[in-house]
Amino acid sequence: MTRFVVVPQWQGSPAARAMLLAAGAEAIAGDLPRAKTVVVDVPVEAGEAQDTGIRRFSALARVHEAVADALATLGVDASHPAGREPAIVVGGDCGVAVPAIAHAAAAHEGLAVVWFDAHADLHSPATSPSGAFAGMALRAVIDDLPSPSPAATPGAPPGVVPPGRVFVAGARELDDAEADLLDGGADTPRHLAPADLDDPTALVDAVVASGATALYVHVDLDVLDPAVISGVSLPVPFGLTLEQLVAAVAALRERLPLVGASIAGFAPATPAAAVDDLGTILRVVGALA
């Protein structure tokens, strides 16, 4: 059975009301099976950059170490390709995916990452307009940033996955520095816009053609169209329908073993607003689980 690691981290977000992300993670946790859910303690304080160019870096480092520890202690399941029960990390901001990907990459040399998000999250400290780690999260997966996450292997950059096995799906708001990293050839991440996901075959075929033998899926809920979900910090129009997202995840899982996943970006304005969106979110959880 799927395990859940809930991480109400808000320190990586650039949003003015970033702490709503903590409330969002806690709202999702309320609908998960308690016996299969671990909640990671997140510091109350914002933290300091520590000369990294990443805002709140010290707090992020503490959280990411705790996430790595939580994933390492999940029970063994010999029937699962990972040797452990698959885990879904529930944020919080998108930075929670980085230690989870590092954990999966350490066990699976052929890991591919499919990153469903309205934004590419490919900034570095040098290009980021905000200094927020959530906007650098995917870059930390493919590049040697001063990441707060533990390394997947000793001496290696954190959570390393070759760029050619990374796929940005549903993004529609890219800064120039991020666009320059996408679709530049075999050694860069592949970008699939929402229209490219009308039929998930193109995405699935691309992931399989990359030589991947295992799959990690990250979903920032702002990949969905604002008409589908309201409780996100940075909504972008012309996103995916719920049916597109669920169909894409199902098609990927038919071809490759899912060895890890994460959901992030739920920032409901009020508890009542959270209830309105939870049905949609649980459909996404169901597709991953």
Protein backbone atom coordinates (compact mmCIF):
# COMPACT_ATOMS: atom_id res chain seq x y z
CA MET A 1 0.00 0.00 0.00
CA THR A 2 1.19 3.50 -0.78
CA ARG A 3 2.84 5.45 2.03
CA PHE A 4 2.52 9.22 2.40
CA VAL A 5 5.09 11.68 3.73
CA VAL A 6 3.43 15.02 4.43
CA VAL A 7 5.78 18.01 4.43
CA PRO A 8 4.09 21.36 5.19
CA GLN A 9 7.10 23.29 3.93
CA TRP A 10 6.48 26.87 2.86
CA GLN A 11 9.99 28.32 3.00
CA GLY A 12 10.77 27.52 -0.63
CA SER A 13 7.88 29.48 -2.08
CA PRO A 14 8.11 32.94 -3.66
CA ALA A 15 4.44 33.68 -2.89
CA ALA A 16 3.52 36.56 -0.59
CA ARG A 17 1.25 34.24 1.42
CA ALA A 18 3.57 31.23 1.31
CA MET A 19 2.42 29.90 4.69
CA LEU A 20 -0.90 28.92 3.10
CA LEU A 21 1.05 26.02 1.62
CA ALA A 22 1.48 24.57 5.09
CA ALA A 23 -2.28 24.72 5.62
CA GLY A 24 -2.79 23.06 2.24
CA ALA A 25 -0.51 20.14 3.07
CA GLU A 26 -2.26 19.67 6.38
CA ALA A 27 -5.68 19.74 4.69
CA ILE A 28 -4.63 16.98 2.30
CA ALA A 29 -3.20 14.97 5.19
CA GLY A 30 -6.61 14.97 6.83
CA ASP A 31 -7.96 12.80 4.00
CA LEU A 32 -5.06 10.32 3.90
CA PRO A 33 -4.96 6.99 5.79
CA ARG A 34 -3.47 7.85 9.17
CA ALA A 35 -1.64 4.55 9.58
CA LYS A 36 0.20 5.06 6.30
CA THR A 37 1.04 8.74 6.78
CA VAL A 38 4.12 10.33 8.29
CA VAL A 39 4.17 14.09 8.96
CA VAL A 40 7.55 15.83 8.84
CA ASP A 41 8.07 18.67 11.29
CA VAL A 42 8.82 21.96 9.55
CA PRO A 43 10.57 24.82 11.37
CA VAL A 44 8.45 27.81 12.22
CA GLU A 45 11.22 30.26 11.38
CA ALA A 46 11.93 31.38 7.82
CA GLY A 47 15.66 30.61 7.91
CA GLU A 48 18.65 32.34 6.34
CA ALA A 49 20.29 32.24 2.91
CA GLN A 50 23.77 31.37 4.27
CA ASP A 51 25.47 32.94 1.22
CA THR A 52 23.85 30.47 -1.19
CA GLY A 53 21.63 32.89 -3.10
CA ILE A 54 18.66 30.79 -1.95
CA ARG A 55 16.21 32.41 0.45
CA ARG A 56 15.54 30.58 3.73
CA PHE A 57 18.20 27.99 2.89
CA SER A 58 18.93 26.96 6.48
CA ALA A 59 15.30 26.02 7.18
CA LEU A 60 15.03 24.18 3.87
CA ALA A 61 18.13 22.14 4.66
CA ARG A 62 16.63 20.97 7.96
CA VAL A 63 13.38 19.95 6.31
CA HIS A 64 15.04 18.15 3.42
CA GLU A 65 17.21 16.11 5.76
CA ALA A 66 14.08 15.13 7.68
CA VAL A 67 12.33 14.09 4.45
CA ALA A 68 15.31 11.94 3.46
CA ASP A 69 15.25 10.28 6.89
CA ALA A 70 11.51 9.63 6.67
CA LEU A 71 11.80 8.01 3.24
CA ALA A 72 14.74 5.88 4.37
CA THR A 73 12.72 4.38 7.23
CA LEU A 74 9.68 3.29 5.20
CA GLY A 75 8.91 -0.42 5.39
CA VAL A 76 10.35 -2.90 2.89
CA ASP A 77 8.03 -4.44 0.28
CA ALA A 78 9.89 -7.09 -1.74
CA SER A 79 7.15 -7.16 -4.39
CA HIS A 80 7.75 -3.54 -5.34
CA PRO A 81 10.49 -2.63 -7.85
CA ALA A 82 12.00 -0.15 -5.42
CA GLY A 83 12.29 -2.79 -2.71
CA ARG A 84 10.08 -0.56 -0.58
CA GLU A 85 6.50 0.56 -0.54
CA PRO A 86 6.06 3.43 -3.01
CA ALA A 87 5.86 6.80 -1.28
CA ILE A 88 4.03 9.97 -2.19
CA VAL A 89 5.47 13.15 -0.69
CA VAL A 90 2.80 15.79 -0.07
CA GLY A 91 3.89 19.44 0.13
CA GLY A 92 4.10 22.28 0.75
CA ASP A 93 6.10 23.94 -2.02
CA CYS A 94 7.76 22.14 -4.91
CA GLY A 95 11.10 21.95 -3.12
CA VAL A 96 9.81 18.91 -1.20
CA ALA A 97 10.25 16.85 -4.37
CA VAL A 98 14.02 17.28 -4.44
CA PRO A 99 14.96 15.00 -1.51
CA ALA A 100 12.34 12.50 -2.69
CA ILE A 101 13.88 12.39 -6.17
CA ALA A 102 17.33 12.02 -4.61
CA HIS A 103 16.01 9.04 -2.65
CA ALA A 104 14.57 7.41 -5.79
CA ALA A 105 17.65 8.16 -7.91
CA ALA A 106 19.90 6.48 -5.36
CA ALA A 107 17.99 3.22 -5.87
CA HIS A 108 17.30 3.49 -9.62
CA GLU A 109 20.06 4.39 -12.05
CA GLY A 110 17.53 4.55 -14.89
CA LEU A 111 15.12 6.94 -13.16
CA ALA A 112 13.10 9.38 -15.28
CA VAL A 113 11.34 12.41 -13.78
CA VAL A 114 8.08 13.79 -15.19
CA TRP A 115 7.44 17.24 -13.73
CA PHE A 116 3.82 18.42 -14.14
CA ASP A 117 3.85 22.15 -13.40
CA ALA A 118 2.66 25.45 -14.84
CA HIS A 119 6.26 26.65 -14.38
CA ALA A 120 9.52 24.95 -15.30
CA ASP A 121 11.28 25.51 -11.93
CA LEU A 122 14.63 25.56 -13.75
CA HIS A 123 16.17 28.73 -12.34
CA SER A 124 19.53 28.90 -10.59
CA PRO A 125 20.50 31.35 -7.85
CA ALA A 126 22.07 33.49 -10.58
CA THR A 127 18.90 33.72 -12.72
CA SER A 128 16.10 33.54 -10.16
CA PRO A 129 14.17 36.81 -9.81
CA SER A 130 13.02 35.83 -6.30
CA GLY A 131 15.74 33.64 -4.80
CA ALA A 132 13.01 31.13 -3.89
CA PHE A 133 14.07 27.48 -4.00
CA ALA A 134 10.74 26.25 -5.41
CA GLY A 135 11.62 28.00 -8.66
CA MET A 136 14.96 26.13 -8.71
CA ALA A 137 13.69 22.72 -7.62
CA LEU A 138 13.91 20.96 -10.96
CA ARG A 139 17.23 22.62 -11.71
CA ALA A 140 18.55 21.06 -8.49
CA VAL A 141 17.59 17.65 -9.91
CA ILE A 142 19.74 18.06 -13.04
CA ASP A 143 22.48 20.45 -11.92
CA ASP A 144 24.93 20.95 -9.08
CA LEU A 145 23.24 23.80 -7.20
CA PRO A 146 23.83 24.62 -3.53
CA SER A 147 20.83 22.41 -2.81
CA PRO A 148 19.54 21.86 0.73
CA SER A 149 18.95 18.17 -0.02
CA PRO A 150 21.32 15.34 0.89
CA ALA A 151 23.21 13.87 -2.07
CA ALA A 152 21.80 10.74 -3.70
CA THR A 153 25.28 9.17 -3.56
CA PRO A 154 28.39 10.31 -1.69
CA GLY A 155 30.14 13.09 -3.56
CA ALA A 156 27.41 13.44 -6.19
CA PRO A 157 25.20 16.49 -6.76
CA PRO A 158 21.83 16.17 -4.98
CA GLY A 159 19.21 14.04 -6.69
CA VAL A 160 21.04 13.82 -9.98
CA VAL A 161 18.99 12.63 -12.94
CA PRO A 162 20.39 13.14 -16.45
CA PRO A 163 18.62 16.06 -18.17
CA GLY A 164 17.66 13.79 -21.05
CA ARG A 165 15.45 11.78 -18.68
CA VAL A 166 13.62 14.83 -17.31
CA PHE A 167 10.29 15.94 -18.79
CA VAL A 168 8.49 19.21 -18.03
CA ALA A 169 4.80 18.62 -18.73
CA GLY A 170 2.07 21.27 -18.88
CA ALA A 171 4.33 24.29 -18.31
CA ARG A 172 3.08 27.49 -19.90
CA GLU A 173 4.88 30.29 -18.07
CA LEU A 174 8.62 30.14 -18.74
CA ASP A 175 11.25 32.77 -18.11
CA ASP A 176 13.92 33.21 -20.79
CA ALA A 177 16.63 31.56 -18.70
CA GLU A 178 14.41 28.49 -18.26
CA ALA A 179 13.36 28.31 -21.90
CA ASP A 180 17.02 28.29 -22.89
CA LEU A 181 17.46 25.02 -20.97
CA LEU A 182 14.54 23.24 -22.61
CA ASP A 183 14.52 21.24 -25.82
CA GLY A 184 18.11 22.09 -26.70
CA GLY A 185 18.88 18.51 -27.70
CA ALA A 186 19.28 15.06 -26.22
CA ASP A 187 21.04 16.35 -23.12
CA THR A 188 18.38 18.85 -22.05
CA PRO A 189 14.95 18.39 -20.44
CA ARG A 190 12.02 17.90 -22.80
CA HIS A 191 9.09 20.34 -22.65
CA LEU A 192 5.54 19.26 -23.46
CA ALA A 193 2.94 22.05 -23.43
CA PRO A 194 -0.68 21.42 -22.38
CA ALA A 195 -1.74 20.88 -25.99
CA ASP A 196 0.87 18.14 -26.31
CA LEU A 197 -0.93 16.20 -23.58
CA ASP A 198 -4.31 15.96 -25.34
CA ASP A 199 -3.09 12.45 -26.10
CA PRO A 200 -0.55 11.21 -23.53
CA THR A 201 1.13 8.93 -26.07
CA ALA A 202 3.76 11.53 -27.03
CA LEU A 203 4.81 11.96 -23.40
CA VAL A 204 4.91 8.24 -22.68
CA ASP A 205 6.82 7.43 -25.86
CA ALA A 206 9.38 10.15 -25.10
CA VAL A 207 9.95 8.87 -21.56
CA VAL A 208 10.37 5.28 -22.74
CA ALA A 209 12.69 6.37 -25.58
CA SER A 210 14.95 8.06 -23.01
CA GLY A 211 15.97 4.62 -21.76
CA ALA A 212 14.21 5.04 -18.43
CA THR A 213 13.59 1.93 -16.35
CA ALA A 214 11.74 3.59 -13.45
CA LEU A 215 9.54 6.65 -13.01
CA TYR A 216 9.13 9.53 -10.58
CA VAL A 217 6.14 11.85 -11.08
CA HIS A 218 5.85 15.30 -9.52
CA VAL A 219 2.59 17.27 -9.68
CA ASP A 220 2.41 20.95 -8.82
CA LEU A 221 -1.32 21.50 -8.71
CA ASP A 222 -0.99 24.75 -10.66
CA VAL A 223 -0.47 22.57 -13.74
CA LEU A 224 -4.26 22.33 -13.70
CA ASP A 225 -6.32 25.10 -15.25
CA PRO A 226 -7.59 27.68 -12.71
CA ALA A 227 -11.12 26.62 -13.63
CA VAL A 228 -10.31 23.18 -12.21
CA ILE A 229 -8.63 24.20 -8.96
CA SER A 230 -8.65 27.55 -7.17
CA GLY A 231 -6.29 26.99 -4.23
CA VAL A 232 -2.90 27.60 -5.82
CA SER A 233 -0.50 30.49 -5.21
CA LEU A 234 0.46 31.29 -8.80
CA PRO A 235 -2.40 30.31 -11.14
CA VAL A 236 -1.73 30.36 -14.87
CA PRO A 237 -4.55 30.14 -17.44
CA PHE A 238 -4.87 27.52 -20.18
CA GLY A 239 -3.73 24.61 -18.03
CA LEU A 240 -4.57 20.93 -18.01
CA THR A 241 -7.97 19.50 -17.27
CA LEU A 242 -8.17 16.98 -14.47
CA GLU A 243 -8.92 14.31 -17.05
CA GLN A 244 -5.75 15.16 -19.02
CA LEU A 245 -3.58 14.93 -15.94
CA VAL A 246 -5.08 11.68 -14.66
CA ALA A 247 -4.89 10.09 -18.11
CA ALA A 248 -1.25 11.08 -18.52
CA VAL A 249 -0.29 9.62 -15.14
CA ALA A 250 -2.20 6.40 -15.89
CA ALA A 251 -0.52 6.04 -19.29
CA LEU A 252 2.92 6.53 -17.77
CA ARG A 253 2.25 3.94 -15.08
CA GLU A 254 1.20 1.39 -17.68
CA ARG A 255 4.66 1.52 -19.26
CA LEU A 256 7.05 2.09 -16.33
CA PRO A 257 7.09 1.26 -12.61
CA LEU A 258 6.30 4.27 -10.45
CA VAL A 259 8.90 4.32 -7.65
CA GLY A 260 8.10 7.73 -6.15
CA ALA A 261 5.85 10.75 -6.51
CA SER A 262 5.05 14.12 -5.02
CA ILE A 263 2.19 16.61 -4.97
CA ALA A 264 2.73 20.26 -4.12
CA GLY A 265 1.31 23.74 -4.41
CA PHE A 266 -2.00 23.57 -2.56
CA ALA A 267 -2.56 26.95 -0.90
CA PRO A 268 -6.26 27.32 -0.02
CA ALA A 269 -7.32 30.79 1.05
CA THR A 270 -9.64 29.44 3.78
CA PRO A 271 -10.58 26.05 5.28
CA ALA A 272 -13.86 26.20 3.36
CA ALA A 273 -12.00 26.79 0.12
CA ALA A 274 -9.80 23.79 0.89
CA VAL A 275 -12.87 21.55 1.03
CA ASP A 276 -13.93 22.74 -2.43
CA ASP A 277 -10.65 21.57 -3.98
CA LEU A 278 -9.99 18.37 -2.07
CA GLY A 279 -12.09 16.20 -4.37
CA THR A 280 -9.92 17.20 -7.30
CA ILE A 281 -6.72 16.68 -5.31
CA LEU A 282 -7.80 13.22 -4.16
CA ARG A 283 -8.36 12.25 -7.80
CA VAL A 284 -4.72 13.15 -8.44
CA VAL A 285 -3.62 11.21 -5.36
CA GLY A 286 -5.62 8.24 -6.57
CA ALA A 287 -3.95 8.32 -9.97
CA LEU A 288 -0.52 8.26 -8.34
CA ALA A 289 -1.40 5.68 -5.70
